[in-house]
Amino acid sequence: MPAYRLSSRLLLPIAAMAAATALVLTGCTANDSLATQYRSGNGQNYIAGDGTVSEYAAANRGAPVSFTGTLQDGSTVSSAKYAGKVLVVNFWYAGCPPCRVEAPMLQSLSQKYADRGVAFLGVNLYDSAQTAASFEKDKGVTYPSVLDRDSGSVLLAFSKTVPPKATPTTLVVDKKGRVAARILGAIPDKSILDSLISDAVDEH
């Protein structure tokens, strides 16, 4: 699937937003040692993606991604639930330093787009239900997450088209169920994901 790097129009807001984003994240993660270490550059041997942002032209997105997973409460969720909606999928786990840093950012955007036909879904790759729930309570995350540790079904479904390849990875799925954009690694700036979501919402 051909990909291209983030366009210049999306890079423009980064400088202006960086300071504000840093202040917000500092407040949200001030008591989080792993997040603090990650922001300071000490990843404690943690290796992740480099934050590369790729967008995919509508003609090159391939087939819709079909998946089924189990949420923390034991209920089942599938891609059919999100038909006709833009879906933001974030692959994470509680011990992942950049996941801890970007969680408030994702939560904020989930609230911003709640009334615009956009859904958010986490995919927890390693944790138990208890650990995942504790993380979400601590970070104030209100959108659901699939527990994918045992089956790996959601990870496998997306890997067939646009492999996550790193944790965290964030995907923007268009209204037809196809991956429109991928951020490989930590989200570089909230404004970037915001723009990717907005583009997907505006597509017809």
C-alpha atoms as a PDB file:
ATOM      1  CA  MET A   1       0.000   0.000   0.000  1.00  0.00           C
ATOM      2  CA  PRO A   2       1.702   3.274  -1.098  1.00  0.00           C
ATOM      3  CA  ALA A   3       2.184   5.806   1.661  1.00  0.00           C
ATOM      4  CA  TYR A   4       3.428   9.335   1.776  1.00  0.00           C
ATOM      5  CA  ARG A   5       4.881  11.356   4.605  1.00  0.00           C
ATOM      6  CA  LEU A   6       2.905  13.981   6.424  1.00  0.00           C
ATOM      7  CA  SER A   7       2.158  16.936   4.194  1.00  0.00           C
ATOM      8  CA  SER A   8       3.582  20.380   4.937  1.00  0.00           C
ATOM      9  CA  ARG A   9       0.166  21.787   5.815  1.00  0.00           C
ATOM     10  CA  LEU A  10      -0.034  19.377   8.753  1.00  0.00           C
ATOM     11  CA  LEU A  11       3.475  20.215   9.902  1.00  0.00           C
ATOM     12  CA  LEU A  12       2.755  23.936  10.157  1.00  0.00           C
ATOM     13  CA  PRO A  13       0.864  23.830  13.474  1.00  0.00           C
ATOM     14  CA  ILE A  14       3.559  21.821  15.257  1.00  0.00           C
ATOM     15  CA  ALA A  15       5.776  24.677  16.371  1.00  0.00           C
ATOM     16  CA  ALA A  16       2.855  26.734  17.598  1.00  0.00           C
ATOM     17  CA  MET A  17       1.251  23.835  19.438  1.00  0.00           C
ATOM     18  CA  ALA A  18       4.347  22.212  20.917  1.00  0.00           C
ATOM     19  CA  ALA A  19       4.667  24.458  23.959  1.00  0.00           C
ATOM     20  CA  ALA A  20       0.977  24.244  24.827  1.00  0.00           C
ATOM     21  CA  THR A  21       0.934  20.482  24.404  1.00  0.00           C
ATOM     22  CA  ALA A  22       4.005  20.112  26.582  1.00  0.00           C
ATOM     23  CA  LEU A  23       2.332  22.089  29.355  1.00  0.00           C
ATOM     24  CA  VAL A  24      -0.830  19.985  29.173  1.00  0.00           C
ATOM     25  CA  LEU A  25       1.046  16.696  29.197  1.00  0.00           C
ATOM     26  CA  THR A  26       3.304  17.850  32.030  1.00  0.00           C
ATOM     27  CA  GLY A  27       0.253  18.480  34.170  1.00  0.00           C
ATOM     28  CA  CYS A  28      -1.380  15.184  33.257  1.00  0.00           C
ATOM     29  CA  THR A  29       1.713  13.059  33.823  1.00  0.00           C
ATOM     30  CA  ALA A  30       3.503  14.922  36.602  1.00  0.00           C
ATOM     31  CA  ASN A  31       3.162  11.976  38.974  1.00  0.00           C
ATOM     32  CA  ASP A  32       3.865   9.303  36.361  1.00  0.00           C
ATOM     33  CA  SER A  33       7.494   8.214  36.610  1.00  0.00           C
ATOM     34  CA  LEU A  34       7.508   6.245  33.348  1.00  0.00           C
ATOM     35  CA  ALA A  35       6.008   9.147  31.436  1.00  0.00           C
ATOM     36  CA  THR A  36       8.465  11.572  33.024  1.00  0.00           C
ATOM     37  CA  GLN A  37      11.409   9.364  32.076  1.00  0.00           C
ATOM     38  CA  TYR A  38      10.144   9.085  28.521  1.00  0.00           C
ATOM     39  CA  ARG A  39       9.723  12.861  28.125  1.00  0.00           C
ATOM     40  CA  SER A  40      13.235  13.431  29.477  1.00  0.00           C
ATOM     41  CA  GLY A  41      14.678  11.056  26.887  1.00  0.00           C
ATOM     42  CA  ASN A  42      15.341   8.194  29.291  1.00  0.00           C
ATOM     43  CA  GLY A  43      13.287   5.369  27.828  1.00  0.00           C
ATOM     44  CA  GLN A  44      14.909   2.715  30.048  1.00  0.00           C
ATOM     45  CA  ASN A  45      15.797   0.644  26.961  1.00  0.00           C
ATOM     46  CA  TYR A  46      12.285   1.101  25.566  1.00  0.00           C
ATOM     47  CA  ILE A  47      12.243   0.931  21.761  1.00  0.00           C
ATOM     48  CA  ALA A  48       9.307   2.172  19.727  1.00  0.00           C
ATOM     49  CA  GLY A  49       8.462   3.745  16.387  1.00  0.00           C
ATOM     50  CA  ASP A  50       9.867   7.109  15.434  1.00  0.00           C
ATOM     51  CA  GLY A  51       6.565   8.945  15.133  1.00  0.00           C
ATOM     52  CA  THR A  52       6.464   8.646  11.335  1.00  0.00           C
ATOM     53  CA  VAL A  53       3.104   9.788   9.984  1.00  0.00           C
ATOM     54  CA  SER A  54       1.768   8.224   6.793  1.00  0.00           C
ATOM     55  CA  GLU A  55      -1.399   9.078   4.917  1.00  0.00           C
ATOM     56  CA  TYR A  56      -2.925   6.798   2.309  1.00  0.00           C
ATOM     57  CA  ALA A  57      -4.730   8.052  -0.764  1.00  0.00           C
ATOM     58  CA  ALA A  58      -8.341   6.859  -0.924  1.00  0.00           C
ATOM     59  CA  ALA A  59      -7.654   4.906  -4.111  1.00  0.00           C
ATOM     60  CA  ASN A  60      -4.836   2.972  -2.419  1.00  0.00           C
ATOM     61  CA  ARG A  61      -6.427   1.969   0.878  1.00  0.00           C
ATOM     62  CA  GLY A  62      -7.427  -1.518  -0.113  1.00  0.00           C
ATOM     63  CA  ALA A  63     -10.201  -3.518   1.490  1.00  0.00           C
ATOM     64  CA  PRO A  64     -11.984  -2.565   4.706  1.00  0.00           C
ATOM     65  CA  VAL A  65     -10.497  -4.084   7.852  1.00  0.00           C
ATOM     66  CA  SER A  66     -12.804  -6.566   9.545  1.00  0.00           C
ATOM     67  CA  PHE A  67     -12.159  -7.396  13.196  1.00  0.00           C
ATOM     68  CA  THR A  68     -13.765  -8.780  16.322  1.00  0.00           C
ATOM     69  CA  GLY A  69     -12.448  -8.403  19.854  1.00  0.00           C
ATOM     70  CA  THR A  70     -13.365  -8.655  23.522  1.00  0.00           C
ATOM     71  CA  LEU A  71     -13.653  -5.533  25.654  1.00  0.00           C
ATOM     72  CA  GLN A  72     -12.596  -5.303  29.286  1.00  0.00           C
ATOM     73  CA  ASP A  73     -16.140  -5.934  30.494  1.00  0.00           C
ATOM     74  CA  GLY A  74     -16.247  -9.192  28.540  1.00  0.00           C
ATOM     75  CA  SER A  75     -18.549  -7.926  25.806  1.00  0.00           C
ATOM     76  CA  THR A  76     -17.742  -8.358  22.135  1.00  0.00           C
ATOM     77  CA  VAL A  77     -17.029  -5.521  19.733  1.00  0.00           C
ATOM     78  CA  SER A  78     -16.556  -5.713  15.979  1.00  0.00           C
ATOM     79  CA  SER A  79     -15.813  -3.493  13.033  1.00  0.00           C
ATOM     80  CA  ALA A  80     -19.501  -3.639  12.114  1.00  0.00           C
ATOM     81  CA  LYS A  81     -20.255  -1.364  15.078  1.00  0.00           C
ATOM     82  CA  TYR A  82     -18.269   1.427  13.457  1.00  0.00           C
ATOM     83  CA  ALA A  83     -19.708   1.188   9.955  1.00  0.00           C
ATOM     84  CA  GLY A  84     -20.070   4.669   8.454  1.00  0.00           C
ATOM     85  CA  LYS A  85     -17.940   6.250  11.181  1.00  0.00           C
ATOM     86  CA  VAL A  86     -14.356   7.427  11.357  1.00  0.00           C
ATOM     87  CA  LEU A  87     -12.542   5.206  13.861  1.00  0.00           C
ATOM     88  CA  VAL A  88      -9.306   6.023  15.682  1.00  0.00           C
ATOM     89  CA  VAL A  89      -7.528   2.861  16.840  1.00  0.00           C
ATOM     90  CA  ASN A  90      -4.684   3.131  19.352  1.00  0.00           C
ATOM     91  CA  PHE A  91      -2.467   0.133  20.169  1.00  0.00           C
ATOM     92  CA  TRP A  92      -1.121   0.404  23.716  1.00  0.00           C
ATOM     93  CA  TYR A  93      -0.288  -1.234  27.038  1.00  0.00           C
ATOM     94  CA  ALA A  94       0.071   0.172  30.545  1.00  0.00           C
ATOM     95  CA  GLY A  95       3.845  -0.213  30.894  1.00  0.00           C
ATOM     96  CA  CYS A  96       4.574   1.607  27.620  1.00  0.00           C
ATOM     97  CA  PRO A  97       6.066   5.050  28.486  1.00  0.00           C
ATOM     98  CA  PRO A  98       4.872   6.939  25.375  1.00  0.00           C
ATOM     99  CA  CYS A  99       1.427   5.359  25.746  1.00  0.00           C
ATOM    100  CA  ARG A 100       1.202   6.973  29.160  1.00  0.00           C
ATOM    101  CA  VAL A 101       2.222  10.352  27.770  1.00  0.00           C
ATOM    102  CA  GLU A 102      -0.221  10.375  24.866  1.00  0.00           C
ATOM    103  CA  ALA A 103      -3.280   8.970  26.686  1.00  0.00           C
ATOM    104  CA  PRO A 104      -4.597  12.415  27.776  1.00  0.00           C
ATOM    105  CA  MET A 105      -4.161  13.650  24.202  1.00  0.00           C
ATOM    106  CA  LEU A 106      -6.239  10.806  22.801  1.00  0.00           C
ATOM    107  CA  GLN A 107      -8.901  11.295  25.443  1.00  0.00           C
ATOM    108  CA  SER A 108      -9.130  15.001  24.646  1.00  0.00           C
ATOM    109  CA  LEU A 109      -9.586  14.326  20.926  1.00  0.00           C
ATOM    110  CA  SER A 110     -12.158  11.619  21.616  1.00  0.00           C
ATOM    111  CA  GLN A 111     -14.238  14.214  23.437  1.00  0.00           C
ATOM    112  CA  LYS A 112     -13.727  16.837  20.738  1.00  0.00           C
ATOM    113  CA  TYR A 113     -15.013  14.547  17.994  1.00  0.00           C
ATOM    114  CA  ALA A 114     -17.678  12.690  19.962  1.00  0.00           C
ATOM    115  CA  ASP A 115     -20.481  14.558  18.206  1.00  0.00           C
ATOM    116  CA  ARG A 116     -18.945  14.323  14.728  1.00  0.00           C
ATOM    117  CA  GLY A 117     -19.308  10.628  14.018  1.00  0.00           C
ATOM    118  CA  VAL A 118     -15.843   9.676  15.269  1.00  0.00           C
ATOM    119  CA  ALA A 119     -15.234   6.724  17.596  1.00  0.00           C
ATOM    120  CA  PHE A 120     -12.071   5.800  19.498  1.00  0.00           C
ATOM    121  CA  LEU A 121     -10.995   2.264  20.333  1.00  0.00           C
ATOM    122  CA  GLY A 122      -7.938   1.164  22.262  1.00  0.00           C
ATOM    123  CA  VAL A 123      -6.271  -2.175  21.613  1.00  0.00           C
ATOM    124  CA  ASN A 124      -4.388  -3.343  24.686  1.00  0.00           C
ATOM    125  CA  LEU A 125      -1.729  -5.796  23.606  1.00  0.00           C
ATOM    126  CA  TYR A 126      -0.357  -7.217  26.876  1.00  0.00           C
ATOM    127  CA  ASP A 127      -2.334  -6.347  30.013  1.00  0.00           C
ATOM    128  CA  SER A 128      -4.949  -8.062  32.127  1.00  0.00           C
ATOM    129  CA  ALA A 129      -8.369  -6.444  32.461  1.00  0.00           C
ATOM    130  CA  GLN A 130      -7.461  -5.178  35.927  1.00  0.00           C
ATOM    131  CA  THR A 131      -4.217  -3.558  34.810  1.00  0.00           C
ATOM    132  CA  ALA A 132      -5.856  -1.956  31.784  1.00  0.00           C
ATOM    133  CA  ALA A 133      -8.731  -0.630  33.884  1.00  0.00           C
ATOM    134  CA  SER A 134      -6.333   0.851  36.431  1.00  0.00           C
ATOM    135  CA  PHE A 135      -4.426   2.656  33.685  1.00  0.00           C
ATOM    136  CA  GLU A 136      -7.596   4.070  32.162  1.00  0.00           C
ATOM    137  CA  LYS A 137      -8.890   5.277  35.506  1.00  0.00           C
ATOM    138  CA  ASP A 138      -5.558   6.939  36.289  1.00  0.00           C
ATOM    139  CA  LYS A 139      -5.408   8.670  32.887  1.00  0.00           C
ATOM    140  CA  GLY A 140      -9.094   9.514  32.672  1.00  0.00           C
ATOM    141  CA  VAL A 141      -9.629   7.479  29.495  1.00  0.00           C
ATOM    142  CA  THR A 142     -13.321   6.885  28.846  1.00  0.00           C
ATOM    143  CA  TYR A 143     -13.377   5.201  25.422  1.00  0.00           C
ATOM    144  CA  PRO A 144     -13.258   1.380  25.368  1.00  0.00           C
ATOM    145  CA  SER A 145     -10.308  -0.926  24.769  1.00  0.00           C
ATOM    146  CA  VAL A 146     -10.087  -4.436  23.399  1.00  0.00           C
ATOM    147  CA  LEU A 147      -7.990  -6.866  25.438  1.00  0.00           C
ATOM    148  CA  ASP A 148      -5.962  -8.441  22.642  1.00  0.00           C
ATOM    149  CA  ARG A 149      -3.311 -10.232  24.706  1.00  0.00           C
ATOM    150  CA  ASP A 150      -4.650 -13.749  24.318  1.00  0.00           C
ATOM    151  CA  SER A 151      -6.165 -13.826  20.845  1.00  0.00           C
ATOM    152  CA  GLY A 152      -4.264 -11.067  19.047  1.00  0.00           C
ATOM    153  CA  SER A 153      -7.194 -10.976  16.651  1.00  0.00           C
ATOM    154  CA  VAL A 154      -7.449  -7.210  16.255  1.00  0.00           C
ATOM    155  CA  LEU A 155      -3.703  -6.773  15.823  1.00  0.00           C
ATOM    156  CA  LEU A 156      -3.720  -9.530  13.208  1.00  0.00           C
ATOM    157  CA  ALA A 157      -6.651  -7.989  11.339  1.00  0.00           C
ATOM    158  CA  PHE A 158      -4.886  -4.660  10.905  1.00  0.00           C
ATOM    159  CA  SER A 159      -1.495  -6.235  10.241  1.00  0.00           C
ATOM    160  CA  LYS A 160      -2.842  -7.619   6.977  1.00  0.00           C
ATOM    161  CA  THR A 161      -3.107  -4.096   5.554  1.00  0.00           C
ATOM    162  CA  VAL A 162      -1.169  -1.533   7.602  1.00  0.00           C
ATOM    163  CA  PRO A 163       0.955  -3.263  10.261  1.00  0.00           C
ATOM    164  CA  PRO A 164       1.221  -1.321  13.535  1.00  0.00           C
ATOM    165  CA  LYS A 165       4.887  -2.482  13.919  1.00  0.00           C
ATOM    166  CA  ALA A 166       5.419  -0.468  17.132  1.00  0.00           C
ATOM    167  CA  THR A 167       3.696   0.360  20.386  1.00  0.00           C
ATOM    168  CA  PRO A 168       2.073   2.771  20.482  1.00  0.00           C
ATOM    169  CA  THR A 169       0.659   2.990  16.995  1.00  0.00           C
ATOM    170  CA  THR A 170      -2.408   5.031  16.116  1.00  0.00           C
ATOM    171  CA  LEU A 171      -4.537   4.385  13.034  1.00  0.00           C
ATOM    172  CA  VAL A 172      -7.257   6.566  11.533  1.00  0.00           C
ATOM    173  CA  VAL A 173      -9.834   4.377   9.809  1.00  0.00           C
ATOM    174  CA  ASP A 174     -12.138   5.994   7.245  1.00  0.00           C
ATOM    175  CA  LYS A 175     -15.926   5.702   7.041  1.00  0.00           C
ATOM    176  CA  LYS A 176     -15.572   2.667   4.772  1.00  0.00           C
ATOM    177  CA  GLY A 177     -13.435   0.790   7.289  1.00  0.00           C
ATOM    178  CA  ARG A 178     -10.111   1.355   5.504  1.00  0.00           C
ATOM    179  CA  VAL A 179      -6.931   2.697   7.105  1.00  0.00           C
ATOM    180  CA  ALA A 180      -6.517   6.308   6.003  1.00  0.00           C
ATOM    181  CA  ALA A 181      -3.492   7.212   8.134  1.00  0.00           C
ATOM    182  CA  ARG A 182      -0.977   5.720  10.552  1.00  0.00           C
ATOM    183  CA  ILE A 183       1.224   7.234  13.241  1.00  0.00           C
ATOM    184  CA  LEU A 184       3.988   4.727  13.926  1.00  0.00           C
ATOM    185  CA  GLY A 185       5.117   5.305  17.502  1.00  0.00           C
ATOM    186  CA  ALA A 186       4.223   8.155  19.829  1.00  0.00           C
ATOM    187  CA  ILE A 187       1.965  10.877  18.450  1.00  0.00           C
ATOM    188  CA  PRO A 188       4.372  13.750  17.608  1.00  0.00           C
ATOM    189  CA  ASP A 189       1.802  16.446  18.338  1.00  0.00           C
ATOM    190  CA  LYS A 190      -1.893  16.568  19.125  1.00  0.00           C
ATOM    191  CA  SER A 191      -2.530  18.892  16.163  1.00  0.00           C
ATOM    192  CA  ILE A 192      -1.255  16.253  13.732  1.00  0.00           C
ATOM    193  CA  LEU A 193      -3.725  13.583  14.815  1.00  0.00           C
ATOM    194  CA  ASP A 194      -6.421  16.262  14.988  1.00  0.00           C
ATOM    195  CA  SER A 195      -5.793  17.125  11.317  1.00  0.00           C
ATOM    196  CA  LEU A 196      -5.784  13.483  10.245  1.00  0.00           C
ATOM    197  CA  ILE A 197      -9.116  12.887  11.962  1.00  0.00           C
ATOM    198  CA  SER A 198     -10.603  16.065  10.500  1.00  0.00           C
ATOM    199  CA  ASP A 199      -9.544  15.045   6.989  1.00  0.00           C
ATOM    200  CA  ALA A 200     -11.224  11.653   7.411  1.00  0.00           C
ATOM    201  CA  VAL A 201     -14.396  13.263   8.731  1.00  0.00           C
ATOM    202  CA  ASP A 202     -14.567  15.617   5.731  1.00  0.00           C
ATOM    203  CA  GLU A 203     -14.254  12.818   3.182  1.00  0.00           C
ATOM    204  CA  HIS A 204     -17.387  11.826   1.265  1.00  0.00           C
END
